Amino acid sequence: MRSPLASLSKFDFIGVFFLRVGLGALIAYNGFPILIGGVETYERVGSAVSIIGIHSLHLLFGLASAVIQSVGGLFLILGILTRGIALLLSIIIGIALARLILSAESVDTMILVYGQINLVALSLVFIGPGRFSLDRRGI
């Protein structure tokens, strides 16, 4: 017996669109307060790279993270440079996730949320922008 939902596979491009726009909105919503937060916020966010052995330039890494999250979230929504932005975001989220794991005493909700968002970003690297994007060839 065929599943009644099997016919939805011909609309898989809509699922990719929702995935890309949803992730882009979440990332941009997280990134804009960091971007307008100022030097102290950049230092705090950028200090996460110390877990991979980088103990200087925290201001630069924090600013880069804020810009990539803010602009990258908008780029994901529009479907511009989708794979590259998703890869950069996956790296940023991965570092934040590693920092959370190392500082947590037990598995909490934030670790699970960051893990899920990282999986979605990494999935977009392989899935691509989908049909409704400015990355699509022929537009």
Protein backbone atom coordinates (compact mmCIF):
# COMPACT_ATOMS: atom_id res chain seq x y z
CA MET A 1 0.00 0.00 0.00
CA ARG A 2 1.35 3.37 -0.98
CA SER A 3 1.68 6.07 1.67
CA PRO A 4 -0.71 8.99 1.23
CA LEU A 5 2.24 11.35 1.74
CA ALA A 6 4.38 9.76 -1.00
CA SER A 7 3.08 12.18 -3.61
CA LEU A 8 4.60 15.09 -1.69
CA SER A 9 8.08 14.13 -2.91
CA LYS A 10 7.46 16.06 -6.11
CA PHE A 11 7.46 19.21 -3.93
CA ASP A 12 10.79 18.54 -2.21
CA PHE A 13 12.11 21.91 -3.39
CA ILE A 14 9.62 23.62 -1.07
CA GLY A 15 11.08 21.70 1.86
CA VAL A 16 14.57 22.92 0.96
CA PHE A 17 13.20 26.46 0.71
CA PHE A 18 11.65 26.25 4.20
CA LEU A 19 14.86 24.75 5.58
CA ARG A 20 17.03 27.48 4.08
CA VAL A 21 14.76 30.38 5.02
CA GLY A 22 14.13 29.05 8.52
CA LEU A 23 17.82 28.54 9.26
CA GLY A 24 18.68 31.91 7.75
CA ALA A 25 16.10 33.68 9.90
CA LEU A 26 17.30 31.95 13.09
CA ILE A 27 20.95 32.72 12.37
CA ALA A 28 20.30 36.36 11.42
CA TYR A 29 18.14 36.81 14.53
CA ASN A 30 21.03 35.51 16.63
CA GLY A 31 23.70 37.48 14.75
CA PHE A 32 22.25 41.00 14.66
CA PRO A 33 22.38 41.57 18.45
CA ILE A 34 26.00 40.41 18.41
CA LEU A 35 26.77 42.76 15.53
CA ILE A 36 25.37 45.80 17.34
CA GLY A 37 26.72 44.64 20.72
CA GLY A 38 30.04 46.41 20.42
CA VAL A 39 33.61 45.58 21.34
CA GLU A 40 32.84 43.73 24.59
CA THR A 41 30.43 41.44 22.78
CA TYR A 42 32.95 40.77 19.99
CA GLU A 43 35.62 39.88 22.56
CA ARG A 44 33.25 37.53 24.40
CA VAL A 45 32.06 35.78 21.25
CA GLY A 46 35.53 35.67 19.72
CA SER A 47 37.05 34.12 22.82
CA ALA A 48 35.41 30.84 21.80
CA VAL A 49 38.30 30.20 19.39
CA SER A 50 40.58 29.67 22.37
CA ILE A 51 39.29 26.08 22.54
CA ILE A 52 41.07 25.39 19.24
CA GLY A 53 44.30 26.98 20.44
CA ILE A 54 43.91 30.57 19.20
CA HIS A 55 44.49 32.85 22.18
CA SER A 56 44.61 36.23 20.47
CA LEU A 57 42.60 38.31 17.99
CA HIS A 58 39.34 37.57 19.82
CA LEU A 59 37.95 40.94 18.74
CA LEU A 60 38.53 40.08 15.08
CA PHE A 61 37.04 36.59 15.38
CA GLY A 62 34.01 37.95 17.26
CA LEU A 63 33.37 40.62 14.64
CA ALA A 64 33.80 38.09 11.84
CA SER A 65 31.34 35.75 13.56
CA ALA A 66 28.78 38.54 13.99
CA VAL A 67 29.07 39.63 10.36
CA ILE A 68 28.92 36.08 9.01
CA GLN A 69 25.86 35.31 11.14
CA SER A 70 24.04 38.54 10.29
CA VAL A 71 24.84 38.81 6.61
CA GLY A 72 25.04 35.05 6.15
CA GLY A 73 21.56 34.62 7.60
CA LEU A 74 20.20 37.11 5.09
CA PHE A 75 22.14 35.41 2.30
CA LEU A 76 20.59 32.07 3.27
CA ILE A 77 17.12 33.58 3.19
CA LEU A 78 17.76 34.94 -0.31
CA GLY A 79 19.70 31.90 -1.48
CA ILE A 80 22.99 33.68 -2.21
CA LEU A 81 26.25 31.70 -1.80
CA THR A 82 24.24 29.10 0.08
CA ARG A 83 26.79 26.29 0.32
CA GLY A 84 29.69 28.53 1.34
CA ILE A 85 27.67 30.45 3.92
CA ALA A 86 26.25 27.21 5.32
CA LEU A 87 29.76 25.81 5.68
CA LEU A 88 31.02 28.95 7.47
CA LEU A 89 27.99 28.90 9.76
CA SER A 90 28.51 25.22 10.49
CA ILE A 91 32.09 25.95 11.57
CA ILE A 92 31.01 28.88 13.76
CA ILE A 93 28.19 26.89 15.34
CA GLY A 94 30.51 23.91 15.78
CA ILE A 95 33.00 26.01 17.75
CA ALA A 96 30.18 27.45 19.87
CA LEU A 97 28.86 23.92 20.43
CA ALA A 98 32.28 22.65 21.47
CA ARG A 99 32.59 25.55 23.92
CA LEU A 100 29.17 24.73 25.37
CA ILE A 101 30.03 21.05 25.72
CA LEU A 102 33.34 21.77 27.45
CA SER A 103 31.78 24.20 29.91
CA ALA A 104 28.60 22.23 30.68
CA GLU A 105 28.29 19.86 33.58
CA SER A 106 25.54 17.89 31.87
CA VAL A 107 23.72 17.83 28.57
CA ASP A 108 21.34 20.76 28.58
CA THR A 109 18.85 22.14 26.09
CA MET A 110 21.27 24.65 24.56
CA ILE A 111 23.70 21.89 23.58
CA LEU A 112 20.89 20.02 21.84
CA VAL A 113 19.66 23.16 20.05
CA TYR A 114 23.15 24.09 18.83
CA GLY A 115 23.67 20.51 17.70
CA GLN A 116 20.44 20.51 15.71
CA ILE A 117 21.16 23.86 14.09
CA ASN A 118 24.66 22.67 13.19
CA LEU A 119 23.23 19.55 11.54
CA VAL A 120 20.84 21.69 9.49
CA ALA A 121 23.64 24.03 8.39
CA LEU A 122 25.86 21.09 7.45
CA SER A 123 22.96 19.48 5.56
CA LEU A 124 22.50 22.65 3.51
CA VAL A 125 26.14 22.41 2.43
CA PHE A 126 25.29 19.13 0.69
CA ILE A 127 21.68 19.84 -0.32
CA GLY A 128 22.37 23.23 -1.87
CA PRO A 129 20.12 26.24 -2.31
CA GLY A 130 17.14 24.57 -3.95
CA ARG A 131 14.91 25.83 -6.76
CA PHE A 132 13.80 29.12 -5.15
CA SER A 133 17.12 30.91 -4.74
CA LEU A 134 19.31 33.51 -6.34
CA ASP A 135 22.06 30.86 -6.57
CA ARG A 136 20.08 28.81 -9.06
CA ARG A 137 21.60 28.61 -12.49
CA GLY A 138 19.67 30.33 -15.24
CA ILE A 139 18.41 33.21 -13.13
